[in-house]
Amino acid sequence: MLKLTLLEFFFRGIPEEFLIIFAVYAFSKTTVNIKKYIISSIFLVITIYFIRFLPIQYGVNMILGLITIIVLTVNINKIDIVKAIKASIIAITLECICEAINIFIIQYIFKIDVNYVFKEPTLKIVLGIPSLLIFAFFVTTYYIIMSRRKELRDTFNGEIS
């Protein structure tokens, strides 16, 4: 089981899942529909929270999470399924890269025992913030660049906005 404390859920889980849905919008080059964005993000937060309670190994929860992201973005956000699959895979991969960079910095630059960090929920939240911020920076920057280039598409009629 990969249980989360309520502290981890509120300070890491919720922002992360909202950011994942935003990343799918960005990488699928789709304009954000705020109402659908919030609805799908809330569903994702709840689903991921319950997936973490399943008696499964760590990699399986990522696959179930990826499937959930794709289903939500296709059905709620009305993003084309091929774009949703590509964007979801890119988002999860980028998130993993950001977390790997953060772990590398924690372990090899600050010389902090990562095993100890993962056992302490508060420490895990605080030391995990940089990876979330790096991920947010890349996603937001990409979305802004696509917006300025006018490459974002509206999900309602497929027009470039």
N, C-alpha and C. Protein backbone atom coordinates (compact mmCIF):
# COMPACT_ATOMS: atom_id res chain seq x y z
N MET A 1 0.83 -1.18 0.00
CA MET A 1 0.00 0.00 0.00
C MET A 1 0.88 1.25 0.00
N LEU A 2 0.44 2.25 -0.70
CA LEU A 2 1.18 3.50 -0.81
C LEU A 2 0.36 4.63 -0.19
N LYS A 3 0.01 4.44 1.07
CA LYS A 3 -0.87 5.39 1.75
C LYS A 3 -0.26 6.78 1.83
N LEU A 4 -1.15 7.76 1.82
CA LEU A 4 -0.77 9.15 2.02
C LEU A 4 -1.36 9.63 3.33
N THR A 5 -0.61 10.46 4.03
CA THR A 5 -1.20 11.12 5.19
C THR A 5 -2.07 12.26 4.66
N LEU A 6 -2.95 12.77 5.51
CA LEU A 6 -3.79 13.90 5.09
C LEU A 6 -2.94 15.12 4.76
N LEU A 7 -1.86 15.29 5.48
CA LEU A 7 -0.94 16.39 5.22
C LEU A 7 -0.35 16.27 3.81
N GLU A 8 0.11 15.07 3.45
CA GLU A 8 0.65 14.83 2.11
C GLU A 8 -0.43 15.01 1.05
N PHE A 9 -1.62 14.55 1.35
CA PHE A 9 -2.72 14.67 0.41
C PHE A 9 -3.01 16.12 0.08
N PHE A 10 -3.09 16.97 1.11
CA PHE A 10 -3.46 18.37 0.89
C PHE A 10 -2.31 19.21 0.32
N PHE A 11 -1.10 18.97 0.80
CA PHE A 11 0.01 19.84 0.40
C PHE A 11 0.83 19.32 -0.77
N ARG A 12 0.66 18.07 -1.12
CA ARG A 12 1.38 17.53 -2.27
C ARG A 12 0.42 16.96 -3.31
N GLY A 13 -0.51 16.12 -2.87
CA GLY A 13 -1.40 15.42 -3.79
C GLY A 13 -2.30 16.34 -4.59
N ILE A 14 -3.00 17.23 -3.92
CA ILE A 14 -3.94 18.12 -4.62
C ILE A 14 -3.22 19.03 -5.62
N PRO A 15 -2.16 19.76 -5.21
CA PRO A 15 -1.48 20.61 -6.20
C PRO A 15 -0.90 19.80 -7.37
N GLU A 16 -0.37 18.63 -7.08
CA GLU A 16 0.24 17.79 -8.12
C GLU A 16 -0.80 17.36 -9.15
N GLU A 17 -1.96 16.92 -8.71
CA GLU A 17 -2.97 16.44 -9.65
C GLU A 17 -3.57 17.58 -10.46
N PHE A 18 -3.75 18.74 -9.85
CA PHE A 18 -4.20 19.90 -10.61
C PHE A 18 -3.16 20.27 -11.67
N LEU A 19 -1.90 20.17 -11.31
CA LEU A 19 -0.82 20.48 -12.24
C LEU A 19 -0.74 19.45 -13.38
N ILE A 20 -1.02 18.21 -13.07
CA ILE A 20 -1.01 17.16 -14.11
C ILE A 20 -2.08 17.44 -15.16
N ILE A 21 -3.28 17.78 -14.73
CA ILE A 21 -4.35 18.08 -15.69
C ILE A 21 -3.97 19.31 -16.52
N PHE A 22 -3.39 20.33 -15.87
CA PHE A 22 -2.93 21.51 -16.60
C PHE A 22 -1.86 21.12 -17.62
N ALA A 23 -0.97 20.22 -17.24
CA ALA A 23 0.08 19.76 -18.14
C ALA A 23 -0.52 19.05 -19.37
N VAL A 24 -1.56 18.29 -19.17
CA VAL A 24 -2.21 17.63 -20.31
C VAL A 24 -2.81 18.67 -21.25
N TYR A 25 -3.43 19.69 -20.69
CA TYR A 25 -3.92 20.79 -21.53
C TYR A 25 -2.75 21.41 -22.31
N ALA A 26 -1.66 21.70 -21.61
CA ALA A 26 -0.52 22.35 -22.26
C ALA A 26 0.07 21.49 -23.36
N PHE A 27 0.37 20.24 -23.04
CA PHE A 27 1.06 19.37 -24.01
C PHE A 27 0.15 18.90 -25.14
N SER A 28 -1.17 19.00 -24.95
CA SER A 28 -2.08 18.68 -26.05
C SER A 28 -2.41 19.95 -26.83
N LYS A 29 -1.82 21.07 -26.41
CA LYS A 29 -2.01 22.37 -27.06
C LYS A 29 -3.49 22.75 -27.11
N THR A 30 -4.13 22.63 -25.96
CA THR A 30 -5.55 22.92 -25.82
C THR A 30 -5.73 24.05 -24.83
N THR A 31 -6.61 24.99 -25.15
CA THR A 31 -6.89 26.07 -24.20
C THR A 31 -7.60 25.49 -22.98
N VAL A 32 -7.30 26.06 -21.83
CA VAL A 32 -7.88 25.58 -20.58
C VAL A 32 -9.31 26.08 -20.44
N ASN A 33 -10.23 25.14 -20.22
CA ASN A 33 -11.60 25.45 -19.86
C ASN A 33 -11.65 25.29 -18.33
N ILE A 34 -11.73 26.42 -17.63
CA ILE A 34 -11.59 26.42 -16.17
C ILE A 34 -12.55 25.46 -15.48
N LYS A 35 -13.82 25.48 -15.87
CA LYS A 35 -14.82 24.62 -15.22
C LYS A 35 -14.46 23.14 -15.39
N LYS A 36 -14.15 22.75 -16.62
CA LYS A 36 -13.79 21.35 -16.87
C LYS A 36 -12.46 20.99 -16.23
N TYR A 37 -11.55 21.96 -16.19
CA TYR A 37 -10.24 21.75 -15.56
C TYR A 37 -10.42 21.43 -14.08
N ILE A 38 -11.23 22.20 -13.40
CA ILE A 38 -11.45 21.99 -11.96
C ILE A 38 -12.16 20.67 -11.70
N ILE A 39 -13.19 20.37 -12.49
CA ILE A 39 -13.94 19.12 -12.31
C ILE A 39 -13.03 17.91 -12.52
N SER A 40 -12.28 17.90 -13.63
CA SER A 40 -11.42 16.75 -13.90
C SER A 40 -10.30 16.64 -12.88
N SER A 41 -9.78 17.78 -12.40
CA SER A 41 -8.71 17.75 -11.40
C SER A 41 -9.23 17.17 -10.08
N ILE A 42 -10.42 17.56 -9.69
CA ILE A 42 -11.01 17.03 -8.44
C ILE A 42 -11.23 15.52 -8.56
N PHE A 43 -11.76 15.09 -9.69
CA PHE A 43 -11.93 13.64 -9.91
C PHE A 43 -10.59 12.92 -9.86
N LEU A 44 -9.57 13.53 -10.45
CA LEU A 44 -8.24 12.90 -10.45
C LEU A 44 -7.68 12.82 -9.03
N VAL A 45 -7.82 13.88 -8.26
CA VAL A 45 -7.34 13.88 -6.87
C VAL A 45 -7.98 12.75 -6.09
N ILE A 46 -9.28 12.63 -6.19
CA ILE A 46 -10.01 11.59 -5.45
C ILE A 46 -9.60 10.20 -5.92
N THR A 47 -9.54 10.01 -7.22
CA THR A 47 -9.19 8.70 -7.77
C THR A 47 -7.77 8.29 -7.38
N ILE A 48 -6.82 9.20 -7.51
CA ILE A 48 -5.43 8.89 -7.16
C ILE A 48 -5.32 8.57 -5.67
N TYR A 49 -6.06 9.30 -4.86
CA TYR A 49 -6.04 9.04 -3.42
C TYR A 49 -6.46 7.60 -3.14
N PHE A 50 -7.53 7.14 -3.78
CA PHE A 50 -8.00 5.77 -3.55
C PHE A 50 -7.10 4.72 -4.21
N ILE A 51 -6.51 5.06 -5.35
CA ILE A 51 -5.57 4.13 -5.99
C ILE A 51 -4.40 3.85 -5.04
N ARG A 52 -3.97 4.88 -4.32
CA ARG A 52 -2.85 4.71 -3.39
C ARG A 52 -3.16 3.72 -2.27
N PHE A 53 -4.44 3.48 -1.99
CA PHE A 53 -4.81 2.54 -0.94
C PHE A 53 -4.92 1.10 -1.43
N LEU A 54 -4.86 0.90 -2.74
CA LEU A 54 -4.94 -0.46 -3.27
C LEU A 54 -3.68 -1.24 -2.92
N PRO A 55 -3.82 -2.53 -2.67
CA PRO A 55 -2.65 -3.35 -2.32
C PRO A 55 -1.85 -3.73 -3.58
N ILE A 56 -1.21 -2.73 -4.20
CA ILE A 56 -0.47 -2.94 -5.44
C ILE A 56 0.94 -2.37 -5.30
N GLN A 57 1.81 -2.76 -6.20
CA GLN A 57 3.18 -2.25 -6.19
C GLN A 57 3.24 -0.85 -6.79
N TYR A 58 4.36 -0.17 -6.56
CA TYR A 58 4.47 1.24 -6.94
C TYR A 58 4.25 1.51 -8.42
N GLY A 59 4.79 0.77 -9.32
CA GLY A 59 4.64 1.04 -10.76
C GLY A 59 3.20 0.90 -11.24
N VAL A 60 2.45 0.01 -10.63
CA VAL A 60 1.07 -0.23 -11.05
C VAL A 60 0.20 0.99 -10.77
N ASN A 61 0.46 1.67 -9.65
CA ASN A 61 -0.35 2.85 -9.34
C ASN A 61 -0.12 3.95 -10.38
N MET A 62 1.09 4.04 -10.94
CA MET A 62 1.37 5.03 -11.99
C MET A 62 0.60 4.70 -13.26
N ILE A 63 0.52 3.44 -13.60
CA ILE A 63 -0.21 3.03 -14.80
C ILE A 63 -1.70 3.29 -14.62
N LEU A 64 -2.25 2.94 -13.45
CA LEU A 64 -3.66 3.22 -13.18
C LEU A 64 -3.93 4.73 -13.18
N GLY A 65 -3.00 5.49 -12.64
CA GLY A 65 -3.12 6.94 -12.65
C GLY A 65 -3.10 7.49 -14.06
N LEU A 66 -2.22 6.96 -14.89
CA LEU A 66 -2.12 7.39 -16.30
C LEU A 66 -3.43 7.09 -17.04
N ILE A 67 -3.97 5.92 -16.83
CA ILE A 67 -5.25 5.56 -17.46
C ILE A 67 -6.35 6.51 -16.99
N THR A 68 -6.35 6.82 -15.70
CA THR A 68 -7.35 7.74 -15.14
C THR A 68 -7.23 9.11 -15.79
N ILE A 69 -6.01 9.61 -15.91
CA ILE A 69 -5.78 10.92 -16.53
C ILE A 69 -6.31 10.94 -17.96
N ILE A 70 -6.03 9.91 -18.71
CA ILE A 70 -6.47 9.84 -20.10
C ILE A 70 -8.00 9.81 -20.18
N VAL A 71 -8.61 8.96 -19.37
CA VAL A 71 -10.08 8.85 -19.37
C VAL A 71 -10.72 10.19 -19.00
N LEU A 72 -10.21 10.84 -17.98
CA LEU A 72 -10.78 12.12 -17.55
C LEU A 72 -10.60 13.21 -18.60
N THR A 73 -9.41 13.31 -19.16
CA THR A 73 -9.17 14.39 -20.13
C THR A 73 -9.92 14.17 -21.44
N VAL A 74 -10.18 12.94 -21.77
CA VAL A 74 -10.96 12.66 -22.99
C VAL A 74 -12.44 12.91 -22.73
N ASN A 75 -12.94 12.39 -21.62
CA ASN A 75 -14.39 12.47 -21.35
C ASN A 75 -14.85 13.80 -20.77
N ILE A 76 -14.09 14.39 -19.89
CA ILE A 76 -14.52 15.64 -19.28
C ILE A 76 -13.99 16.84 -20.04
N ASN A 77 -12.69 16.84 -20.33
CA ASN A 77 -12.07 17.99 -20.98
C ASN A 77 -12.21 17.98 -22.49
N LYS A 78 -12.71 16.88 -23.03
CA LYS A 78 -12.97 16.73 -24.48
C LYS A 78 -11.71 16.93 -25.33
N ILE A 79 -10.59 16.43 -24.81
CA ILE A 79 -9.34 16.45 -25.58
C ILE A 79 -9.30 15.18 -26.41
N ASP A 80 -8.87 15.32 -27.66
CA ASP A 80 -8.75 14.19 -28.57
C ASP A 80 -7.96 13.07 -27.89
N ILE A 81 -8.40 11.83 -28.07
CA ILE A 81 -7.79 10.70 -27.35
C ILE A 81 -6.31 10.53 -27.66
N VAL A 82 -5.91 10.70 -28.90
CA VAL A 82 -4.49 10.55 -29.25
C VAL A 82 -3.67 11.65 -28.57
N LYS A 83 -4.18 12.88 -28.61
CA LYS A 83 -3.49 13.99 -27.94
C LYS A 83 -3.46 13.78 -26.43
N ALA A 84 -4.54 13.27 -25.88
CA ALA A 84 -4.61 13.04 -24.44
C ALA A 84 -3.60 11.97 -24.01
N ILE A 85 -3.47 10.92 -24.80
CA ILE A 85 -2.50 9.86 -24.48
C ILE A 85 -1.08 10.41 -24.54
N LYS A 86 -0.75 11.10 -25.63
CA LYS A 86 0.59 11.67 -25.78
C LYS A 86 0.89 12.67 -24.66
N ALA A 87 -0.04 13.58 -24.43
CA ALA A 87 0.16 14.62 -23.43
C ALA A 87 0.28 14.03 -22.02
N SER A 88 -0.51 13.01 -21.72
CA SER A 88 -0.45 12.38 -20.40
C SER A 88 0.89 11.69 -20.18
N ILE A 89 1.36 11.00 -21.19
CA ILE A 89 2.66 10.32 -21.08
C ILE A 89 3.78 11.35 -20.93
N ILE A 90 3.72 12.43 -21.69
CA ILE A 90 4.73 13.49 -21.56
C ILE A 90 4.68 14.09 -20.17
N ALA A 91 3.47 14.38 -19.67
CA ALA A 91 3.32 14.99 -18.34
C ALA A 91 3.88 14.09 -17.25
N ILE A 92 3.53 12.82 -17.26
CA ILE A 92 4.01 11.89 -16.24
C ILE A 92 5.53 11.72 -16.34
N THR A 93 6.04 11.63 -17.55
CA THR A 93 7.48 11.49 -17.75
C THR A 93 8.22 12.72 -17.23
N LEU A 94 7.73 13.91 -17.57
CA LEU A 94 8.36 15.14 -17.10
C LEU A 94 8.29 15.23 -15.58
N GLU A 95 7.17 14.84 -15.01
CA GLU A 95 7.06 14.85 -13.55
C GLU A 95 8.09 13.92 -12.92
N CYS A 96 8.25 12.75 -13.48
CA CYS A 96 9.24 11.79 -12.96
C CYS A 96 10.66 12.33 -13.08
N ILE A 97 10.95 12.99 -14.18
CA ILE A 97 12.27 13.60 -14.38
C ILE A 97 12.52 14.68 -13.34
N CYS A 98 11.53 15.52 -13.11
CA CYS A 98 11.65 16.58 -12.10
C CYS A 98 11.86 15.99 -10.71
N GLU A 99 11.17 14.92 -10.39
CA GLU A 99 11.34 14.27 -9.10
C GLU A 99 12.71 13.61 -8.99
N ALA A 100 13.19 13.03 -10.09
CA ALA A 100 14.52 12.41 -10.08
C ALA A 100 15.61 13.47 -9.87
N ILE A 101 15.46 14.62 -10.51
CA ILE A 101 16.41 15.72 -10.32
C ILE A 101 16.40 16.16 -8.86
N ASN A 102 15.22 16.29 -8.30
CA ASN A 102 15.08 16.70 -6.90
C ASN A 102 15.72 15.69 -5.96
N ILE A 103 15.49 14.42 -6.19
CA ILE A 103 16.08 13.37 -5.34
C ILE A 103 17.59 13.38 -5.46
N PHE A 104 18.09 13.58 -6.68
CA PHE A 104 19.54 13.66 -6.89
C PHE A 104 20.13 14.80 -6.07
N ILE A 105 19.48 15.96 -6.11
CA ILE A 105 19.96 17.13 -5.36
C ILE A 105 19.92 16.87 -3.86
N ILE A 106 18.82 16.28 -3.39
CA ILE A 106 18.69 15.98 -1.96
C ILE A 106 19.77 15.01 -1.50
N GLN A 107 19.97 13.95 -2.30
CA GLN A 107 20.87 12.88 -1.89
C GLN A 107 22.34 13.22 -2.10
N TYR A 108 22.70 13.79 -3.24
CA TYR A 108 24.12 13.96 -3.56
C TYR A 108 24.66 15.37 -3.31
N ILE A 109 23.82 16.37 -3.31
CA ILE A 109 24.32 17.72 -3.05
C ILE A 109 24.13 18.08 -1.58
N PHE A 110 22.91 17.84 -1.05
CA PHE A 110 22.66 18.16 0.35
C PHE A 110 23.01 17.01 1.29
N LYS A 111 23.35 15.84 0.73
CA LYS A 111 23.78 14.66 1.51
C LYS A 111 22.75 14.25 2.57
N ILE A 112 21.47 14.27 2.18
CA ILE A 112 20.39 13.85 3.08
C ILE A 112 19.96 12.45 2.68
N ASP A 113 19.78 11.58 3.66
CA ASP A 113 19.36 10.21 3.42
C ASP A 113 17.92 10.19 2.89
N VAL A 114 17.75 9.77 1.65
CA VAL A 114 16.45 9.77 1.00
C VAL A 114 15.48 8.80 1.70
N ASN A 115 15.99 7.70 2.19
CA ASN A 115 15.13 6.74 2.90
C ASN A 115 14.50 7.39 4.14
N TYR A 116 15.27 8.21 4.84
CA TYR A 116 14.75 8.92 6.00
C TYR A 116 13.69 9.93 5.56
N VAL A 117 13.94 10.64 4.48
CA VAL A 117 13.00 11.64 3.96
C VAL A 117 11.65 11.01 3.64
N PHE A 118 11.68 9.84 2.99
CA PHE A 118 10.43 9.18 2.59
C PHE A 118 9.64 8.63 3.78
N LYS A 119 10.28 8.46 4.92
CA LYS A 119 9.59 7.97 6.12
C LYS A 119 8.94 9.10 6.92
N GLU A 120 9.37 10.32 6.69
CA GLU A 120 8.86 11.47 7.43
C GLU A 120 7.95 12.31 6.53
N PRO A 121 6.61 12.24 6.72
CA PRO A 121 5.68 12.95 5.83
C PRO A 121 5.94 14.45 5.69
N THR A 122 6.21 15.13 6.79
CA THR A 122 6.43 16.58 6.71
C THR A 122 7.69 16.90 5.93
N LEU A 123 8.75 16.16 6.20
CA LEU A 123 10.01 16.36 5.49
C LEU A 123 9.85 16.03 4.01
N LYS A 124 9.08 14.98 3.73
CA LYS A 124 8.83 14.59 2.34
C LYS A 124 8.09 15.70 1.59
N ILE A 125 7.15 16.34 2.24
CA ILE A 125 6.39 17.43 1.62
C ILE A 125 7.32 18.62 1.34
N VAL A 126 8.07 19.03 2.36
CA VAL A 126 8.94 20.20 2.24
C VAL A 126 10.02 19.96 1.19
N LEU A 127 10.67 18.81 1.22
CA LEU A 127 11.74 18.54 0.27
C LEU A 127 11.21 18.15 -1.12
N GLY A 128 9.92 17.88 -1.21
CA GLY A 128 9.32 17.56 -2.50
C GLY A 128 8.82 18.78 -3.25
N ILE A 129 8.71 19.90 -2.56
CA ILE A 129 8.21 21.13 -3.19
C ILE A 129 9.06 21.56 -4.39
N PRO A 130 10.39 21.50 -4.32
CA PRO A 130 11.17 21.93 -5.49
C PRO A 130 10.83 21.17 -6.78
N SER A 131 10.60 19.87 -6.69
CA SER A 131 10.26 19.11 -7.91
C SER A 131 8.92 19.56 -8.47
N LEU A 132 7.98 19.87 -7.59
CA LEU A 132 6.68 20.36 -8.03
C LEU A 132 6.81 21.74 -8.67
N LEU A 133 7.65 22.58 -8.10
CA LEU A 133 7.88 23.92 -8.66
C LEU A 133 8.59 23.86 -10.02
N ILE A 134 9.55 22.95 -10.14
CA ILE A 134 10.25 22.78 -11.42
C ILE A 134 9.26 22.31 -12.48
N PHE A 135 8.44 21.34 -12.12
CA PHE A 135 7.43 20.81 -13.04
C PHE A 135 6.46 21.92 -13.44
N ALA A 136 5.99 22.69 -12.46
CA ALA A 136 5.06 23.80 -12.72
C ALA A 136 5.71 24.83 -13.64
N PHE A 137 6.98 25.12 -13.42
CA PHE A 137 7.70 26.08 -14.26
C PHE A 137 7.73 25.63 -15.72
N PHE A 138 8.11 24.37 -15.95
CA PHE A 138 8.20 23.86 -17.32
C PHE A 138 6.83 23.86 -18.01
N VAL A 139 5.82 23.39 -17.31
CA VAL A 139 4.48 23.29 -17.89
C VAL A 139 3.91 24.68 -18.18
N THR A 140 4.02 25.57 -17.22
CA THR A 140 3.49 26.93 -17.40
C THR A 140 4.23 27.66 -18.51
N THR A 141 5.54 27.53 -18.54
CA THR A 141 6.33 28.17 -19.60
C THR A 141 5.92 27.64 -20.97
N TYR A 142 5.76 26.33 -21.08
CA TYR A 142 5.35 25.73 -22.35
C TYR A 142 3.97 26.25 -22.77
N TYR A 143 3.03 26.29 -21.82
CA TYR A 143 1.68 26.75 -22.12
C TYR A 143 1.70 28.22 -22.58
N ILE A 144 2.48 29.05 -21.92
CA ILE A 144 2.57 30.46 -22.29
C ILE A 144 3.17 30.61 -23.69
N ILE A 145 4.21 29.85 -23.97
CA ILE A 145 4.83 29.91 -25.30
C ILE A 145 3.83 29.49 -26.37
N MET A 146 3.11 28.40 -26.14
CA MET A 146 2.11 27.94 -27.11
C MET A 146 0.99 28.97 -27.27
N SER A 147 0.63 29.62 -26.19
CA SER A 147 -0.41 30.64 -26.24
C SER A 147 0.05 31.85 -27.06
N ARG A 148 1.28 32.28 -26.83
CA ARG A 148 1.81 33.43 -27.58
C ARG A 148 1.99 33.13 -29.06
N ARG A 149 2.32 31.89 -29.36
CA ARG A 149 2.45 31.48 -30.76
C ARG A 149 1.10 31.22 -31.41
N LYS A 150 0.06 31.31 -30.59
CA LYS A 150 -1.32 31.05 -31.03
C LYS A 150 -1.48 29.61 -31.56
N GLU A 151 -0.86 28.67 -30.86
CA GLU A 151 -0.93 27.26 -31.25
C GLU A 151 -1.91 26.46 -30.39
N LEU A 152 -2.60 27.12 -29.47
CA LEU A 152 -3.56 26.41 -28.63
C LEU A 152 -4.88 26.27 -29.37
N ARG A 153 -5.49 25.11 -29.22
CA ARG A 153 -6.78 24.85 -29.87
C ARG A 153 -7.87 24.83 -28.83
N ASP A 154 -9.03 25.32 -29.26
CA ASP A 154 -10.22 25.29 -28.42
C ASP A 154 -10.85 23.91 -28.55
N THR A 155 -11.21 23.27 -27.43
CA THR A 155 -11.78 21.92 -27.49
C THR A 155 -13.19 21.91 -28.02
N PHE A 156 -13.86 23.07 -28.00
CA PHE A 156 -15.25 23.08 -28.44
C PHE A 156 -15.40 22.96 -29.95
N ASN A 157 -14.55 23.68 -30.67
CA ASN A 157 -14.73 23.63 -32.12
C ASN A 157 -13.42 23.36 -32.87
N GLY A 158 -12.36 23.08 -32.16
CA GLY A 158 -11.10 22.72 -32.79
C GLY A 158 -10.36 23.90 -33.41
N GLU A 159 -10.86 25.10 -33.18
CA GLU A 159 -10.21 26.27 -33.76
C GLU A 159 -8.99 26.66 -32.95
N ILE A 160 -8.04 27.25 -33.63
CA ILE A 160 -6.88 27.80 -32.95
C ILE A 160 -7.29 29.10 -32.31
N SER A 161 -6.93 29.26 -31.02
CA SER A 161 -7.32 30.50 -30.33
C SER A 161 -6.15 31.43 -30.17
